[in-house]
């Protein structure tokens, strides 16, 4: 038996690969979240996921071709983190995420949205992508009498 096969060298490499995987998860989540925020429709989200997977496979092939196998953990972490971050940035349960959310009984507000709510979310994402102000989700106008003066507040004032 080789002395390195059971020694501390292989254990240290395994710990290093796990640390690279965790680092890749964190960085990938941030990258994926930014990609998800730019998606407006489900189609855009699926295209972003496809890009993440294709780039990950290409980089993984380069890592394997160059024989830097310790970087495989980083590449896998980046891919997994980016896929999860894209879902977070997109803000909807789509594709396999929808199945997982229903199965684990989480994100009930996303899985049970009506078509009007989904259309409103698309409008918000479209405005965000184009750099326009997002539609207001809550009124900031006061119609009732003010508690301090007893008169109606002017409409359109912001606090």
N, C-alpha and C. Protein backbone atom coordinates (compact mmCIF):
# COMPACT_ATOMS: atom_id res chain seq x y z
N UNK A 1 0.83 -1.17 0.00
CA UNK A 1 0.00 0.00 0.00
C UNK A 1 0.88 1.24 0.00
N UNK A 2 0.47 2.24 -0.72
CA UNK A 2 1.21 3.49 -0.79
C UNK A 2 1.04 4.27 0.52
N UNK A 3 2.09 4.93 0.95
CA UNK A 3 2.00 5.64 2.23
C UNK A 3 1.09 6.87 2.15
N UNK A 4 0.90 7.45 0.96
CA UNK A 4 0.02 8.61 0.83
C UNK A 4 -1.45 8.24 0.73
N UNK A 5 -1.76 6.98 0.44
CA UNK A 5 -3.16 6.59 0.26
C UNK A 5 -3.95 6.67 1.56
N UNK A 6 -3.30 6.41 2.70
CA UNK A 6 -3.99 6.47 3.98
C UNK A 6 -3.43 7.58 4.87
N UNK A 7 -2.53 8.35 4.35
CA UNK A 7 -1.87 9.36 5.16
C UNK A 7 -2.67 10.65 5.25
N UNK A 8 -2.03 11.63 5.83
CA UNK A 8 -2.69 12.93 6.03
C UNK A 8 -2.75 13.74 4.76
N UNK A 9 -1.94 13.42 3.76
CA UNK A 9 -1.95 14.19 2.51
C UNK A 9 -3.28 14.09 1.79
N UNK A 10 -3.86 12.91 1.68
CA UNK A 10 -5.13 12.76 0.98
C UNK A 10 -6.27 13.36 1.79
N UNK A 11 -6.16 13.29 3.12
CA UNK A 11 -7.18 13.90 3.97
C UNK A 11 -7.16 15.42 3.82
N UNK A 12 -5.98 15.99 3.76
CA UNK A 12 -5.85 17.44 3.59
C UNK A 12 -6.40 17.90 2.25
N UNK A 13 -6.16 17.11 1.22
CA UNK A 13 -6.68 17.45 -0.11
C UNK A 13 -8.21 17.39 -0.10
N UNK A 14 -8.76 16.39 0.56
CA UNK A 14 -10.23 16.27 0.64
C UNK A 14 -10.83 17.46 1.37
N UNK A 15 -10.21 17.89 2.46
CA UNK A 15 -10.71 19.05 3.20
C UNK A 15 -10.60 20.30 2.34
N UNK A 16 -9.50 20.42 1.60
CA UNK A 16 -9.31 21.58 0.72
C UNK A 16 -10.38 21.61 -0.38
N UNK A 17 -10.70 20.47 -0.96
CA UNK A 17 -11.73 20.40 -1.99
C UNK A 17 -13.10 20.78 -1.41
N UNK A 18 -13.39 20.33 -0.20
CA UNK A 18 -14.66 20.68 0.45
C UNK A 18 -14.73 22.18 0.72
N UNK A 19 -13.60 22.76 1.13
CA UNK A 19 -13.57 24.22 1.35
C UNK A 19 -13.78 24.98 0.04
N UNK A 20 -13.17 24.50 -1.04
CA UNK A 20 -13.38 25.14 -2.34
C UNK A 20 -14.83 25.01 -2.78
N UNK A 21 -15.45 23.87 -2.51
CA UNK A 21 -16.86 23.67 -2.84
C UNK A 21 -17.73 24.68 -2.09
N UNK A 22 -17.48 24.85 -0.80
CA UNK A 22 -18.25 25.81 0.00
C UNK A 22 -18.03 27.24 -0.50
N UNK A 23 -16.81 27.57 -0.83
CA UNK A 23 -16.51 28.90 -1.38
C UNK A 23 -17.24 29.09 -2.70
N UNK A 24 -17.24 28.07 -3.55
CA UNK A 24 -17.95 28.13 -4.83
C UNK A 24 -19.45 28.30 -4.65
N UNK A 25 -20.02 27.65 -3.62
CA UNK A 25 -21.44 27.82 -3.35
C UNK A 25 -21.78 29.27 -3.04
N UNK A 26 -20.98 29.90 -2.22
CA UNK A 26 -21.26 31.29 -1.81
C UNK A 26 -21.11 32.24 -3.00
N UNK A 27 -20.01 32.12 -3.72
CA UNK A 27 -19.78 33.00 -4.87
C UNK A 27 -20.82 32.72 -5.96
N UNK A 28 -21.11 31.47 -6.22
CA UNK A 28 -22.10 31.10 -7.24
C UNK A 28 -23.48 31.61 -6.91
N UNK A 29 -23.84 31.61 -5.63
CA UNK A 29 -25.17 32.11 -5.23
C UNK A 29 -25.29 33.59 -5.55
N UNK A 30 -24.26 34.36 -5.31
CA UNK A 30 -24.31 35.79 -5.61
C UNK A 30 -24.39 36.03 -7.12
N UNK A 31 -23.61 35.29 -7.87
CA UNK A 31 -23.64 35.44 -9.34
C UNK A 31 -25.01 35.02 -9.88
N UNK A 32 -25.52 33.90 -9.41
CA UNK A 32 -26.82 33.42 -9.88
C UNK A 32 -27.96 34.35 -9.50
N UNK A 33 -27.87 34.95 -8.32
CA UNK A 33 -28.92 35.87 -7.89
C UNK A 33 -28.99 37.09 -8.82
N UNK A 34 -27.84 37.59 -9.23
CA UNK A 34 -27.83 38.71 -10.18
C UNK A 34 -28.38 38.29 -11.54
N UNK A 35 -28.07 37.06 -11.96
CA UNK A 35 -28.62 36.56 -13.22
C UNK A 35 -30.13 36.40 -13.12
N UNK A 36 -30.62 35.91 -12.00
CA UNK A 36 -32.05 35.71 -11.81
C UNK A 36 -32.83 37.01 -11.78
N UNK A 37 -32.22 38.07 -11.25
CA UNK A 37 -32.90 39.36 -11.21
C UNK A 37 -33.10 39.93 -12.60
N UNK A 38 -32.27 39.56 -13.54
CA UNK A 38 -32.37 40.07 -14.90
C UNK A 38 -33.39 39.31 -15.74
N UNK A 39 -33.88 38.19 -15.24
CA UNK A 39 -34.86 37.38 -15.97
C UNK A 39 -36.26 37.95 -15.78
N UNK A 40 -37.02 38.03 -16.86
CA UNK A 40 -38.39 38.55 -16.79
C UNK A 40 -39.39 37.41 -16.89
N UNK A 41 -39.24 36.57 -17.89
CA UNK A 41 -40.16 35.46 -18.12
C UNK A 41 -39.52 34.14 -17.69
N UNK A 42 -40.35 33.10 -17.64
CA UNK A 42 -39.84 31.76 -17.32
C UNK A 42 -38.80 31.32 -18.35
N UNK A 43 -39.02 31.71 -19.58
CA UNK A 43 -38.10 31.34 -20.66
C UNK A 43 -36.71 31.92 -20.38
N UNK A 44 -36.65 33.17 -19.94
CA UNK A 44 -35.37 33.79 -19.60
C UNK A 44 -34.69 33.05 -18.46
N UNK A 45 -35.49 32.62 -17.49
CA UNK A 45 -34.95 31.88 -16.35
C UNK A 45 -34.35 30.55 -16.80
N UNK A 46 -35.05 29.84 -17.69
CA UNK A 46 -34.54 28.57 -18.17
C UNK A 46 -33.28 28.76 -19.03
N UNK A 47 -33.23 29.84 -19.80
CA UNK A 47 -32.03 30.13 -20.58
C UNK A 47 -30.86 30.44 -19.66
N UNK A 48 -31.10 31.18 -18.58
CA UNK A 48 -30.03 31.47 -17.62
C UNK A 48 -29.53 30.18 -16.98
N UNK A 49 -30.44 29.27 -16.64
CA UNK A 49 -30.02 27.98 -16.08
C UNK A 49 -29.20 27.18 -17.08
N UNK A 50 -29.61 27.21 -18.34
CA UNK A 50 -28.87 26.50 -19.37
C UNK A 50 -27.46 27.09 -19.53
N UNK A 51 -27.35 28.42 -19.47
CA UNK A 51 -26.04 29.07 -19.55
C UNK A 51 -25.15 28.63 -18.39
N UNK A 52 -25.73 28.59 -17.20
CA UNK A 52 -24.96 28.20 -16.01
C UNK A 52 -24.43 26.78 -16.19
N UNK A 53 -25.28 25.89 -16.64
CA UNK A 53 -24.88 24.49 -16.79
C UNK A 53 -23.84 24.33 -17.90
N UNK A 54 -24.04 25.00 -19.05
CA UNK A 54 -23.08 24.87 -20.15
C UNK A 54 -21.71 25.45 -19.79
N UNK A 55 -21.70 26.60 -19.14
CA UNK A 55 -20.42 27.18 -18.72
C UNK A 55 -19.75 26.29 -17.68
N UNK A 56 -20.55 25.75 -16.75
CA UNK A 56 -20.00 24.86 -15.74
C UNK A 56 -19.41 23.60 -16.34
N UNK A 57 -20.08 23.03 -17.32
CA UNK A 57 -19.57 21.82 -17.97
C UNK A 57 -18.28 22.14 -18.73
N UNK A 58 -18.25 23.29 -19.42
CA UNK A 58 -17.04 23.67 -20.17
C UNK A 58 -15.85 23.89 -19.23
N UNK A 59 -16.08 24.61 -18.15
CA UNK A 59 -14.99 24.86 -17.19
C UNK A 59 -14.57 23.55 -16.53
N UNK A 60 -15.53 22.69 -16.23
CA UNK A 60 -15.21 21.39 -15.64
C UNK A 60 -14.37 20.55 -16.60
N UNK A 61 -14.68 20.61 -17.88
CA UNK A 61 -13.89 19.87 -18.87
C UNK A 61 -12.46 20.40 -18.92
N UNK A 62 -12.30 21.71 -18.82
CA UNK A 62 -10.95 22.29 -18.81
C UNK A 62 -10.20 21.85 -17.56
N UNK A 63 -10.88 21.86 -16.42
CA UNK A 63 -10.25 21.43 -15.17
C UNK A 63 -9.79 19.98 -15.28
N UNK A 64 -10.62 19.12 -15.84
CA UNK A 64 -10.25 17.71 -15.97
C UNK A 64 -9.15 17.53 -17.02
N UNK A 65 -9.16 18.34 -18.09
CA UNK A 65 -8.14 18.22 -19.14
C UNK A 65 -6.77 18.66 -18.63
N UNK A 66 -6.75 19.66 -17.76
CA UNK A 66 -5.49 20.18 -17.24
C UNK A 66 -5.02 19.38 -16.02
N UNK A 67 -5.85 18.49 -15.53
CA UNK A 67 -5.56 17.63 -14.39
C UNK A 67 -5.40 18.40 -13.08
N UNK A 68 -6.16 19.48 -12.92
CA UNK A 68 -6.22 20.21 -11.65
C UNK A 68 -7.49 19.77 -10.93
N UNK A 69 -7.53 18.52 -10.55
CA UNK A 69 -8.76 17.92 -10.04
C UNK A 69 -9.22 18.51 -8.71
N UNK A 70 -8.33 19.18 -7.99
CA UNK A 70 -8.77 19.80 -6.74
C UNK A 70 -9.71 20.98 -7.00
N UNK A 71 -9.63 21.54 -8.20
CA UNK A 71 -10.54 22.65 -8.54
C UNK A 71 -11.92 22.16 -8.95
N UNK A 72 -12.12 20.87 -9.06
CA UNK A 72 -13.43 20.33 -9.42
C UNK A 72 -14.48 20.69 -8.37
N UNK A 73 -14.08 20.73 -7.11
CA UNK A 73 -15.01 21.12 -6.04
C UNK A 73 -15.46 22.56 -6.21
N UNK A 74 -14.55 23.44 -6.61
CA UNK A 74 -14.90 24.84 -6.83
C UNK A 74 -15.90 24.97 -7.97
N UNK A 75 -15.65 24.27 -9.07
CA UNK A 75 -16.54 24.36 -10.23
C UNK A 75 -17.93 23.83 -9.89
N UNK A 76 -17.98 22.70 -9.20
CA UNK A 76 -19.28 22.14 -8.82
C UNK A 76 -20.02 23.08 -7.87
N UNK A 77 -19.31 23.67 -6.92
CA UNK A 77 -19.92 24.62 -6.00
C UNK A 77 -20.44 25.85 -6.71
N UNK A 78 -19.67 26.35 -7.67
CA UNK A 78 -20.13 27.52 -8.44
C UNK A 78 -21.41 27.20 -9.20
N UNK A 79 -21.46 26.02 -9.82
CA UNK A 79 -22.65 25.63 -10.57
C UNK A 79 -23.87 25.50 -9.66
N UNK A 80 -23.71 24.77 -8.57
CA UNK A 80 -24.84 24.56 -7.66
C UNK A 80 -25.30 25.88 -7.04
N UNK A 81 -24.36 26.70 -6.62
CA UNK A 81 -24.72 27.99 -6.03
C UNK A 81 -25.40 28.91 -7.03
N UNK A 82 -24.91 28.91 -8.26
CA UNK A 82 -25.51 29.78 -9.28
C UNK A 82 -26.93 29.33 -9.63
N UNK A 83 -27.16 28.03 -9.69
CA UNK A 83 -28.52 27.54 -9.98
C UNK A 83 -29.48 27.93 -8.85
N UNK A 84 -29.05 27.78 -7.61
CA UNK A 84 -29.91 28.16 -6.48
C UNK A 84 -30.08 29.66 -6.41
N UNK A 85 -29.03 30.41 -6.67
CA UNK A 85 -29.11 31.87 -6.64
C UNK A 85 -30.01 32.43 -7.73
N UNK A 86 -30.01 31.79 -8.90
CA UNK A 86 -30.89 32.23 -9.98
C UNK A 86 -32.35 32.08 -9.57
N UNK A 87 -32.68 31.02 -8.88
CA UNK A 87 -34.05 30.81 -8.40
C UNK A 87 -34.40 31.89 -7.37
N UNK A 88 -33.48 32.19 -6.49
CA UNK A 88 -33.72 33.22 -5.48
C UNK A 88 -33.91 34.58 -6.14
N UNK A 89 -33.06 34.91 -7.10
CA UNK A 89 -33.15 36.19 -7.79
C UNK A 89 -34.40 36.32 -8.64
N UNK A 90 -34.83 35.22 -9.26
CA UNK A 90 -36.03 35.24 -10.09
C UNK A 90 -37.28 35.38 -9.24
N UNK A 91 -37.29 34.75 -8.08
CA UNK A 91 -38.38 34.92 -7.14
C UNK A 91 -39.62 34.09 -7.42
N UNK A 92 -39.56 33.15 -8.29
CA UNK A 92 -40.71 32.30 -8.60
C UNK A 92 -40.31 30.84 -8.49
N UNK A 93 -41.28 30.01 -8.24
CA UNK A 93 -41.06 28.57 -8.26
C UNK A 93 -41.31 28.08 -9.68
N UNK A 94 -40.23 27.68 -10.36
CA UNK A 94 -40.31 27.29 -11.76
C UNK A 94 -39.62 25.95 -11.95
N UNK A 95 -40.17 25.13 -12.82
CA UNK A 95 -39.55 23.87 -13.19
C UNK A 95 -39.38 22.94 -12.01
N UNK A 96 -38.18 22.36 -11.86
CA UNK A 96 -37.96 21.42 -10.75
C UNK A 96 -38.10 22.11 -9.39
N UNK A 97 -37.85 23.41 -9.32
CA UNK A 97 -38.01 24.14 -8.05
C UNK A 97 -39.47 24.11 -7.61
N UNK A 98 -40.40 24.19 -8.56
CA UNK A 98 -41.82 24.17 -8.22
C UNK A 98 -42.19 22.84 -7.59
N UNK A 99 -41.68 21.75 -8.17
CA UNK A 99 -41.93 20.43 -7.61
C UNK A 99 -41.34 20.32 -6.21
N UNK A 100 -40.11 20.79 -6.04
CA UNK A 100 -39.46 20.70 -4.73
C UNK A 100 -40.20 21.55 -3.69
N UNK A 101 -40.65 22.74 -4.08
CA UNK A 101 -41.37 23.61 -3.14
C UNK A 101 -42.70 22.99 -2.72
N UNK A 102 -43.40 22.36 -3.65
CA UNK A 102 -44.65 21.71 -3.29
C UNK A 102 -44.41 20.48 -2.43
N UNK A 103 -43.38 19.71 -2.77
CA UNK A 103 -43.09 18.49 -2.03
C UNK A 103 -42.70 18.79 -0.58
N UNK A 104 -41.84 19.79 -0.39
CA UNK A 104 -41.39 20.13 0.95
C UNK A 104 -42.31 21.14 1.64
N UNK A 105 -43.38 21.54 0.95
CA UNK A 105 -44.40 22.43 1.50
C UNK A 105 -43.81 23.77 1.95
N UNK A 106 -42.99 24.37 1.08
CA UNK A 106 -42.40 25.68 1.35
C UNK A 106 -42.79 26.63 0.23
N UNK A 107 -42.61 27.92 0.46
CA UNK A 107 -42.92 28.97 -0.51
C UNK A 107 -44.35 28.84 -1.02
N UNK A 108 -45.28 28.67 -0.10
CA UNK A 108 -46.68 28.48 -0.48
C UNK A 108 -47.22 29.68 -1.24
N UNK A 109 -46.75 30.90 -0.91
CA UNK A 109 -47.24 32.08 -1.61
C UNK A 109 -46.80 32.08 -3.07
N UNK A 110 -45.66 31.46 -3.38
CA UNK A 110 -45.20 31.42 -4.76
C UNK A 110 -45.89 30.32 -5.56
N UNK A 111 -46.12 29.19 -4.95
CA UNK A 111 -46.71 28.07 -5.70
C UNK A 111 -48.21 28.24 -5.91
N UNK A 112 -48.87 29.06 -5.08
CA UNK A 112 -50.32 29.23 -5.17
C UNK A 112 -50.73 30.59 -5.73
N UNK A 113 -49.88 31.26 -6.48
CA UNK A 113 -50.20 32.58 -7.01
C UNK A 113 -51.22 32.48 -8.14
N UNK A 114 -52.08 33.49 -8.20
CA UNK A 114 -53.04 33.57 -9.30
C UNK A 114 -52.34 34.18 -10.52
N UNK A 115 -53.01 34.15 -11.65
CA UNK A 115 -52.42 34.70 -12.88
C UNK A 115 -52.20 36.21 -12.75
N UNK A 116 -53.09 36.91 -12.05
CA UNK A 116 -52.92 38.36 -11.87
C UNK A 116 -51.68 38.66 -11.04
N UNK A 117 -51.46 37.87 -9.99
CA UNK A 117 -50.26 38.07 -9.17
C UNK A 117 -48.99 37.75 -9.96
N UNK A 118 -49.05 36.72 -10.80
CA UNK A 118 -47.89 36.37 -11.62
C UNK A 118 -47.60 37.48 -12.64
N UNK A 119 -48.66 38.08 -13.20
CA UNK A 119 -48.48 39.17 -14.15
C UNK A 119 -47.87 40.40 -13.46
N UNK A 120 -48.30 40.66 -12.22
CA UNK A 120 -47.74 41.78 -11.48
C UNK A 120 -46.26 41.55 -11.20
N UNK A 121 -45.87 40.33 -10.85
CA UNK A 121 -44.47 40.00 -10.59
C UNK A 121 -43.64 40.16 -11.87
N UNK A 122 -44.22 39.76 -13.03
CA UNK A 122 -43.50 39.94 -14.29
C UNK A 122 -43.29 41.42 -14.58
N UNK A 123 -44.29 42.26 -14.28
CA UNK A 123 -44.16 43.69 -14.50
C UNK A 123 -43.05 44.28 -13.62
N UNK A 124 -42.96 43.81 -12.40
CA UNK A 124 -41.91 44.29 -11.50
C UNK A 124 -40.54 43.88 -12.03
N UNK A 125 -40.40 42.62 -12.48
CA UNK A 125 -39.12 42.16 -13.00
C UNK A 125 -38.74 42.90 -14.27
N UNK A 126 -39.73 43.17 -15.13
CA UNK A 126 -39.45 43.88 -16.38
C UNK A 126 -39.00 45.30 -16.09
N UNK A 127 -39.65 45.98 -15.15
CA UNK A 127 -39.25 47.34 -14.78
C UNK A 127 -37.85 47.34 -14.19
N UNK A 128 -37.55 46.36 -13.36
CA UNK A 128 -36.22 46.26 -12.74
C UNK A 128 -35.15 46.05 -13.80
N UNK A 129 -35.45 45.21 -14.80
CA UNK A 129 -34.47 44.92 -15.85
C UNK A 129 -34.21 46.14 -16.71
N UNK A 130 -35.26 46.94 -16.98
CA UNK A 130 -35.11 48.11 -17.83
C UNK A 130 -34.64 49.34 -17.07
N UNK A 131 -34.50 49.23 -15.76
CA UNK A 131 -34.02 50.35 -14.96
C UNK A 131 -35.09 51.38 -14.66
N UNK A 132 -36.33 51.03 -14.87
CA UNK A 132 -37.45 51.95 -14.58
C UNK A 132 -37.88 51.76 -13.13
N UNK A 133 -38.62 52.73 -12.57
CA UNK A 133 -39.12 52.52 -11.20
C UNK A 133 -40.13 51.38 -11.18
N UNK A 134 -40.03 50.58 -10.15
CA UNK A 134 -40.92 49.43 -10.03
C UNK A 134 -42.32 49.89 -9.65
N UNK A 135 -43.36 49.17 -10.11
CA UNK A 135 -44.72 49.52 -9.72
C UNK A 135 -44.87 49.42 -8.20
N UNK A 136 -45.65 50.35 -7.64
CA UNK A 136 -45.84 50.35 -6.20
C UNK A 136 -46.72 49.19 -5.78
N UNK A 137 -46.34 48.54 -4.71
CA UNK A 137 -47.09 47.41 -4.20
C UNK A 137 -48.03 47.83 -3.09
N UNK A 138 -47.86 49.04 -2.57
CA UNK A 138 -48.65 49.50 -1.44
C UNK A 138 -48.90 51.00 -1.62
N UNK A 139 -50.06 51.43 -1.27
CA UNK A 139 -50.39 52.84 -1.37
C UNK A 139 -49.73 53.59 -0.22
N UNK A 140 -49.23 54.78 -0.53
CA UNK A 140 -48.62 55.61 0.50
C UNK A 140 -49.44 56.86 0.75
N UNK A 141 -50.65 56.89 0.23
CA UNK A 141 -51.51 58.05 0.40
C UNK A 141 -52.44 57.83 1.58
N UNK A 142 -52.77 58.94 2.25
CA UNK A 142 -53.69 58.85 3.39
C UNK A 142 -55.02 59.48 2.99
N UNK A 143 -56.12 58.76 3.16
CA UNK A 143 -57.44 59.28 2.82
C UNK A 143 -58.21 59.73 4.05
N UNK A 144 -57.94 59.12 5.18
CA UNK A 144 -58.69 59.41 6.40
C UNK A 144 -58.17 60.65 7.09
N UNK A 145 -58.88 61.09 8.13
CA UNK A 145 -58.43 62.28 8.86
C UNK A 145 -57.14 62.00 9.62
N UNK A 146 -56.32 63.00 9.69
CA UNK A 146 -55.06 62.90 10.42
C UNK A 146 -55.35 62.92 11.91
N UNK A 147 -54.63 62.13 12.66
CA UNK A 147 -54.86 62.08 14.10
C UNK A 147 -54.37 63.35 14.79
N UNK A 148 -53.41 64.04 14.21
CA UNK A 148 -52.87 65.24 14.85
C UNK A 148 -53.73 66.46 14.60
N UNK A 149 -54.16 66.65 13.35
CA UNK A 149 -54.89 67.88 13.04
C UNK A 149 -56.38 67.66 12.86
N UNK A 150 -56.82 66.47 12.64
CA UNK A 150 -58.23 66.18 12.45
C UNK A 150 -58.71 66.47 11.04
N UNK A 151 -57.84 66.91 10.15
CA UNK A 151 -58.22 67.19 8.75
C UNK A 151 -57.65 66.13 7.85
N UNK A 152 -58.15 66.10 6.64
CA UNK A 152 -57.67 65.14 5.67
C UNK A 152 -56.28 65.54 5.20
N UNK A 153 -55.42 64.56 5.05
CA UNK A 153 -54.07 64.82 4.53
C UNK A 153 -54.15 64.97 3.03
N UNK A 154 -53.21 65.73 2.45
CA UNK A 154 -53.19 65.89 1.01
C UNK A 154 -52.80 64.56 0.36
N UNK A 155 -53.46 64.27 -0.74
CA UNK A 155 -53.13 63.05 -1.45
C UNK A 155 -51.82 63.26 -2.20
N UNK A 156 -51.05 62.19 -2.26
CA UNK A 156 -49.81 62.24 -3.01
C UNK A 156 -48.60 62.60 -2.16
N UNK A 157 -48.78 62.91 -0.93
CA UNK A 157 -47.59 63.22 -0.11
C UNK A 157 -46.96 61.91 0.34
N UNK A 158 -45.68 61.92 0.38
CA UNK A 158 -44.95 60.72 0.79
C UNK A 158 -44.30 60.98 2.13
N UNK A 159 -44.20 59.91 2.90
CA UNK A 159 -43.62 60.02 4.23
C UNK A 159 -42.31 59.32 4.29
